Amino acid sequence: MNEVGKIYREIINIKKELIKFGEERKNLYKKKKELREEIKQLLNYLKELKSKRQEYTSIIDSLMEERQKTLEKINSIKAKIDEIKQKRKDIDKNRDIIQNINKYKKELETLEYILQTELLSYAQEKKIWNRIKAIRKILGKYEELSIVLEELDKLRNEYKALKSKLAILGQNIKENINKRAIIKQQIKEVRENLSKKFSEYNKLREDLQNIRNRIRELEEQVRSLLEKYVNAVSSRPISDLVINEEEKQEIINRYNEIQKRLINGGQISTEDLLIMQKYEILKKKGAI
C-alpha cells in the first residue's frame, strides 16, 4: 500500500473510532440527563419528606407541651387533695353526723313542730330548746364537712378527667412519634439512594470527560493525518490522483453535494473533508 493509501486508511480507521466514541458519548449524555432527572425527583421527594417530618415534630412538640401542662395541673390537684385529706380525721371523727344527717334533720323538724303546737312546761320547753340548739350545731358541722366532701369529690373527678386526658395525650404522642420514625427511615433510604445516584452521576461525568478528551486526541490525529494526506496527494503526479473519468465525476458530484450541505447549514464528516481536499488538489493541478 502506497503512502497516500496508508494515510487515507488510517484516517478512515480513526473516523470509525470517532463514530464509536461519538455514539458512546451520545448514550452517556442520555444517561446523564435521565440520572439528573432522577436526582431532581429524589431531591423533591426528600424535601416533601422533611416537610412531613417537621409537621410531625411540631405536632409532637405541641402534644408534649400540653402533656406538661396537664401533669402540672394533676400535681396541683393532687396536692390539694392531699391537703384536704388532712381533714379526714375531722370527717372520720364526725362520721356519725354524716351517716345520720337525715335522722337529725327529721328530729329537728319534729321538735320545732312540738314547740309550735303543744303546751309545754318550762322545764320541758327548755329541754327541747337545748336539744334543738344541739341539733342545729350538728347540722352546722355537717355543712362544714359537706363543703369539704364536695370539694374533695370535685377535685377527684377533675383529677380522674386529667388522668384520662394524659393517657390520650400519651397515646397521640406515641402514634406521632411512630409516624415520624417511618418518615425518618424513608428520609434515610432516599439519602442513601441519592448518594448512589450522585456517585453514578459523577462517574458519568468522569467517563464523559475521558471520552471528550479521547475524541479531541483523535480529532487532532485526523487533522495531522489530513495535513500529511494533502501534502502526499499534492506531491503525486496527476495520473495518480484520478484513475478515470468516472472517479473524477464522482468527486465533483460529492463536492457539489457537500457545498449544498454547507450552504444549508449542514454538518460534514472527515470523509467529506477528504473529498473537498482532493477536489481542491485536482483543481489546482488542472485535472478538474
Protein backbone atom coordinates (compact mmCIF):
# COMPACT_ATOMS: atom_id res chain seq x y z
CA MET A 1 0.00 0.00 0.00
CA ASN A 2 1.42 3.40 -1.00
CA GLU A 3 1.81 6.23 1.50
CA VAL A 4 -1.36 8.11 0.41
CA GLY A 5 -3.47 4.98 0.69
CA LYS A 6 -1.95 4.17 4.05
CA ILE A 7 -2.71 7.66 5.39
CA TYR A 8 -6.22 7.53 3.97
CA ARG A 9 -6.87 4.13 5.55
CA GLU A 10 -5.56 5.40 8.89
CA ILE A 11 -7.89 8.40 8.67
CA ILE A 12 -10.85 6.12 7.94
CA ASN A 13 -9.97 3.87 10.90
CA ILE A 14 -9.75 6.85 13.22
CA LYS A 15 -13.03 8.09 11.79
CA LYS A 16 -14.67 4.77 12.71
CA GLU A 17 -13.27 5.11 16.21
CA LEU A 18 -14.62 8.67 16.39
CA ILE A 19 -18.05 7.42 15.35
CA LYS A 20 -17.91 4.74 18.06
CA PHE A 21 -16.89 7.26 20.72
CA GLY A 22 -19.50 9.69 19.40
CA GLU A 23 -22.24 7.10 19.92
CA GLU A 24 -20.88 6.29 23.35
CA ARG A 25 -20.83 9.98 24.23
CA LYS A 26 -24.41 10.33 23.00
CA ASN A 27 -25.54 7.40 25.17
CA LEU A 28 -23.69 8.79 28.19
CA TYR A 29 -25.32 12.21 27.71
CA LYS A 30 -28.70 10.47 27.58
CA LYS A 31 -27.94 8.52 30.77
CA LYS A 32 -26.66 11.70 32.40
CA LYS A 33 -29.89 13.53 31.54
CA GLU A 34 -32.03 10.64 32.86
CA LEU A 35 -29.92 10.41 36.02
CA ARG A 36 -30.14 14.18 36.58
CA GLU A 37 -33.95 13.90 36.34
CA GLU A 38 -33.97 11.01 38.83
CA ILE A 39 -31.82 13.04 41.23
CA LYS A 40 -34.15 16.03 40.82
CA GLN A 41 -37.20 13.88 41.64
CA LEU A 42 -35.45 12.35 44.65
CA LEU A 43 -34.47 15.81 45.94
CA ASN A 44 -38.09 16.97 45.60
CA TYR A 45 -39.28 13.84 47.38
CA LEU A 46 -36.69 14.40 50.12
CA LYS A 47 -37.95 17.95 50.54
CA GLU A 48 -41.54 16.66 50.93
CA LEU A 49 -40.43 14.07 53.49
CA LYS A 50 -38.53 16.69 55.50
CA SER A 51 -41.65 18.88 55.47
CA LYS A 52 -43.75 15.95 56.77
CA ARG A 53 -41.13 15.20 59.42
CA GLN A 54 -41.31 18.84 60.57
CA GLU A 55 -45.12 18.64 60.69
CA TYR A 56 -44.95 15.60 62.96
CA THR A 57 -42.26 17.26 65.08
CA SER A 58 -44.48 20.34 65.53
CA ILE A 59 -47.44 18.13 66.48
CA ILE A 60 -45.30 16.17 68.95
CA ASP A 61 -43.89 19.38 70.48
CA SER A 62 -47.41 20.75 70.88
CA LEU A 63 -48.65 17.49 72.45
CA MET A 64 -45.63 17.35 74.77
CA GLU A 65 -46.29 20.92 75.87
CA GLU A 66 -49.93 20.09 76.54
CA ARG A 67 -48.85 16.94 78.40
CA GLN A 68 -46.53 19.00 80.60
CA LYS A 69 -49.32 21.46 81.40
CA THR A 70 -51.65 18.56 82.21
CA LEU A 71 -49.05 17.00 84.51
CA GLU A 72 -48.65 20.32 86.31
CA LYS A 73 -52.44 20.52 86.80
CA ILE A 74 -52.54 16.91 88.04
CA ASN A 75 -49.78 17.59 90.54
CA SER A 76 -51.53 20.76 91.68
CA ILE A 77 -54.85 18.94 92.19
CA LYS A 78 -53.10 16.03 93.90
CA ALA A 79 -51.53 18.49 96.34
CA LYS A 80 -54.97 19.98 97.06
CA ILE A 81 -56.45 16.50 97.54
CA ASP A 82 -53.66 15.60 99.93
CA GLU A 83 -54.26 18.85 101.80
CA ILE A 84 -57.97 18.12 102.14
CA LYS A 85 -57.24 14.57 103.20
CA GLN A 86 -55.51 16.05 106.24
CA LYS A 87 -59.01 16.98 107.37
CA ARG A 88 -60.14 13.37 107.17
CA LYS A 89 -59.62 12.97 110.90
CA ASP A 90 -62.28 15.56 111.46
CA ILE A 91 -64.53 13.82 108.93
CA ASP A 92 -63.91 10.39 110.42
CA LYS A 93 -64.45 11.80 113.89
CA ASN A 94 -67.87 13.05 112.80
CA ARG A 95 -68.79 10.05 110.67
CA ASP A 96 -71.95 9.57 112.74
CA ILE A 97 -73.20 13.04 111.71
CA ILE A 98 -72.65 12.29 108.04
CA GLN A 99 -74.29 8.89 108.20
CA ASN A 100 -77.30 10.03 110.29
CA ILE A 101 -77.85 13.54 108.93
CA ASN A 102 -81.39 12.77 107.75
CA LYS A 103 -82.25 11.46 111.20
CA TYR A 104 -81.03 14.71 112.79
CA LYS A 105 -82.99 16.80 110.30
CA LYS A 106 -86.15 14.81 111.00
CA GLU A 107 -85.66 15.17 114.74
CA LEU A 108 -85.19 18.95 114.40
CA GLU A 109 -88.35 19.23 112.34
CA THR A 110 -90.31 17.23 114.96
CA LEU A 111 -89.03 19.28 117.91
CA GLU A 112 -89.80 22.59 116.19
CA TYR A 113 -93.33 21.32 115.47
CA ILE A 114 -93.83 20.36 119.11
CA LEU A 115 -92.78 23.82 120.28
CA GLN A 116 -95.26 25.45 117.90
CA THR A 117 -98.25 23.20 118.56
CA GLU A 118 -98.13 21.90 122.14
CA LEU A 119 -98.36 23.45 125.60
CA LEU A 120 -95.23 22.56 127.50
CA SER A 121 -93.90 23.20 130.94
CA TYR A 122 -90.91 25.44 131.34
CA ALA A 123 -88.65 22.50 132.03
CA GLN A 124 -89.93 20.59 129.01
CA GLU A 125 -89.58 23.62 126.70
CA LYS A 126 -86.07 24.33 127.97
CA LYS A 127 -85.07 20.73 127.40
CA ILE A 128 -86.44 20.81 123.82
CA TRP A 129 -84.69 24.12 123.11
CA ASN A 130 -81.40 22.76 124.31
CA ARG A 131 -81.84 19.75 122.05
CA ILE A 132 -82.75 21.97 119.09
CA LYS A 133 -79.61 24.03 119.68
CA ALA A 134 -77.52 20.87 119.83
CA ILE A 135 -79.02 19.54 116.57
CA ARG A 136 -78.54 22.89 114.82
CA LYS A 137 -74.91 22.80 115.90
CA ILE A 138 -74.63 19.29 114.46
CA LEU A 139 -76.20 20.49 111.19
CA GLY A 140 -73.75 23.40 111.10
CA LYS A 141 -70.90 20.95 111.50
CA TYR A 142 -72.39 18.85 108.74
CA GLU A 143 -72.41 21.88 106.42
CA GLU A 144 -68.72 22.40 107.07
CA LEU A 145 -68.00 18.74 106.44
CA SER A 146 -70.17 18.61 103.30
CA ILE A 147 -68.28 21.55 101.77
CA VAL A 148 -65.04 19.67 102.30
CA LEU A 149 -66.51 16.46 100.87
CA GLU A 150 -67.97 18.25 97.85
CA GLU A 151 -64.64 19.94 97.14
CA LEU A 152 -62.90 16.59 97.52
CA ASP A 153 -65.31 14.90 95.09
CA LYS A 154 -64.89 17.75 92.63
CA LEU A 155 -61.11 17.54 92.79
CA ARG A 156 -61.18 13.76 92.45
CA ASN A 157 -63.40 13.98 89.34
CA GLU A 158 -61.11 16.62 87.84
CA TYR A 159 -58.08 14.50 88.72
CA LYS A 160 -59.65 11.48 87.02
CA ALA A 161 -60.51 13.52 83.90
CA LEU A 162 -56.96 14.88 83.69
CA LYS A 163 -55.51 11.37 84.06
CA SER A 164 -57.69 10.24 81.14
CA LYS A 165 -56.54 13.23 79.12
CA LEU A 166 -52.93 12.41 79.99
CA ALA A 167 -53.39 8.85 78.72
CA ILE A 168 -54.88 10.10 75.45
CA LEU A 169 -52.06 12.61 75.03
CA GLY A 170 -49.52 9.85 75.65
CA GLN A 171 -51.14 7.66 73.01
CA ASN A 172 -51.22 10.52 70.49
CA ILE A 173 -47.57 11.32 71.19
CA LYS A 174 -46.62 7.67 70.69
CA GLU A 175 -48.56 7.43 67.40
CA ASN A 176 -46.99 10.61 66.01
CA ILE A 177 -43.51 9.51 67.09
CA ASN A 178 -44.06 6.20 65.26
CA LYS A 179 -45.26 8.04 62.14
CA ARG A 180 -42.27 10.37 62.30
CA ALA A 181 -39.97 7.34 62.69
CA ILE A 182 -41.35 5.96 59.41
CA ILE A 183 -40.67 9.29 57.70
CA LYS A 184 -37.14 9.36 59.17
CA GLN A 185 -36.50 5.87 57.77
CA GLN A 186 -37.78 6.98 54.36
CA ILE A 187 -35.50 10.04 54.51
CA LYS A 188 -32.55 7.76 55.33
CA GLU A 189 -33.37 5.49 52.37
CA VAL A 190 -33.79 8.44 49.97
CA ARG A 191 -30.47 9.94 51.13
CA GLU A 192 -28.72 6.61 50.58
CA ASN A 193 -30.29 6.37 47.13
CA LEU A 194 -29.26 9.95 46.38
CA SER A 195 -25.70 9.19 47.45
CA LYS A 196 -25.59 6.29 44.97
CA LYS A 197 -27.13 8.43 42.23
CA PHE A 198 -24.62 11.23 42.81
CA SER A 199 -21.78 8.70 42.66
CA GLU A 200 -23.17 7.36 39.37
CA TYR A 201 -23.59 10.92 38.11
CA ASN A 202 -20.01 11.87 38.98
CA LYS A 203 -18.76 8.65 37.35
CA LEU A 204 -20.73 9.52 34.20
CA ARG A 205 -19.21 12.99 34.16
CA GLU A 206 -15.76 11.48 34.52
CA ASP A 207 -16.44 8.98 31.72
CA LEU A 208 -17.79 11.77 29.51
CA GLN A 209 -14.72 13.89 30.15
CA ASN A 210 -12.47 10.95 29.27
CA ILE A 211 -14.41 10.37 26.04
CA ARG A 212 -14.28 14.08 25.18
CA ASN A 213 -10.53 14.05 25.76
CA ARG A 214 -10.17 10.94 23.63
CA ILE A 215 -12.27 12.48 20.85
CA ARG A 216 -10.10 15.61 20.92
CA GLU A 217 -6.99 13.45 20.67
CA LEU A 218 -8.44 11.53 17.72
CA GLU A 219 -9.57 14.74 16.01
CA GLU A 220 -6.06 16.13 16.45
CA GLN A 221 -4.69 12.94 14.90
CA VAL A 222 -7.11 13.33 11.99
CA ARG A 223 -6.05 16.93 11.45
CA SER A 224 -2.39 15.88 11.46
CA LEU A 225 -3.07 13.00 9.08
CA LEU A 226 -5.14 15.25 6.81
CA GLU A 227 -2.21 17.59 6.58
CA LYS A 228 0.06 14.67 5.67
CA TYR A 229 -2.56 13.38 3.27
CA VAL A 230 -2.80 16.76 1.49
CA ASN A 231 0.98 17.04 1.25
CA ALA A 232 1.28 13.46 -0.02
CA VAL A 233 -1.51 13.87 -2.57
CA SER A 234 -0.20 17.24 -3.72
CA SER A 235 3.18 15.69 -4.50
CA ARG A 236 1.71 12.84 -6.56
CA PRO A 237 1.51 13.04 -10.38
CA ILE A 238 -1.90 13.96 -11.78
CA SER A 239 -2.22 10.46 -13.19
CA ASP A 240 -2.18 9.06 -9.64
CA LEU A 241 -4.93 11.37 -8.42
CA VAL A 242 -7.74 10.27 -10.73
CA ILE A 243 -7.87 6.84 -12.25
CA ASN A 244 -10.66 7.54 -14.71
CA GLU A 245 -13.41 9.95 -15.68
CA GLU A 246 -15.97 8.08 -13.63
CA GLU A 247 -13.98 8.61 -10.44
CA LYS A 248 -13.41 12.25 -11.35
CA GLN A 249 -17.14 12.78 -11.87
CA GLU A 250 -17.87 11.07 -8.57
CA ILE A 251 -15.53 13.52 -6.78
CA ILE A 252 -17.20 16.51 -8.49
CA ASN A 253 -20.69 15.25 -7.58
CA ARG A 254 -19.70 14.59 -3.99
CA TYR A 255 -18.06 18.00 -3.75
CA ASN A 256 -21.22 19.75 -5.05
CA GLU A 257 -23.37 17.85 -2.55
CA ILE A 258 -21.07 18.89 0.28
CA GLN A 259 -21.22 22.54 -0.82
CA LYS A 260 -25.01 22.48 -0.85
CA ARG A 261 -24.99 20.95 2.62
CA LEU A 262 -22.67 23.69 3.88
CA ILE A 263 -24.88 26.40 2.37
CA ASN A 264 -27.92 24.92 4.18
CA GLY A 265 -26.05 24.82 7.48
CA GLY A 266 -25.46 21.06 7.48
CA GLN A 267 -22.51 19.23 9.04
CA ILE A 268 -19.69 17.49 7.21
CA SER A 269 -17.68 14.39 8.07
CA THR A 270 -13.98 13.59 7.91
CA GLU A 271 -14.59 11.76 4.66
CA ASP A 272 -16.28 14.89 3.28
CA LEU A 273 -13.15 16.87 4.17
CA LEU A 274 -11.03 14.37 2.24
CA ILE A 275 -13.24 14.71 -0.81
CA MET A 276 -13.10 18.52 -0.61
CA GLN A 277 -9.32 18.50 -0.25
CA LYS A 278 -8.91 16.01 -3.08
CA TYR A 279 -11.16 18.20 -5.24
CA GLU A 280 -9.09 21.32 -4.45
CA ILE A 281 -5.84 19.48 -5.23
CA LEU A 282 -7.18 18.20 -8.54
CA LYS A 283 -8.49 21.63 -9.40
CA LYS A 284 -5.15 23.18 -8.50
CA LYS A 285 -3.37 20.72 -10.77
CA GLY A 286 -5.85 21.43 -13.54
CA ALA A 287 -7.33 17.93 -13.52
CA ILE A 288 -10.84 19.36 -12.94
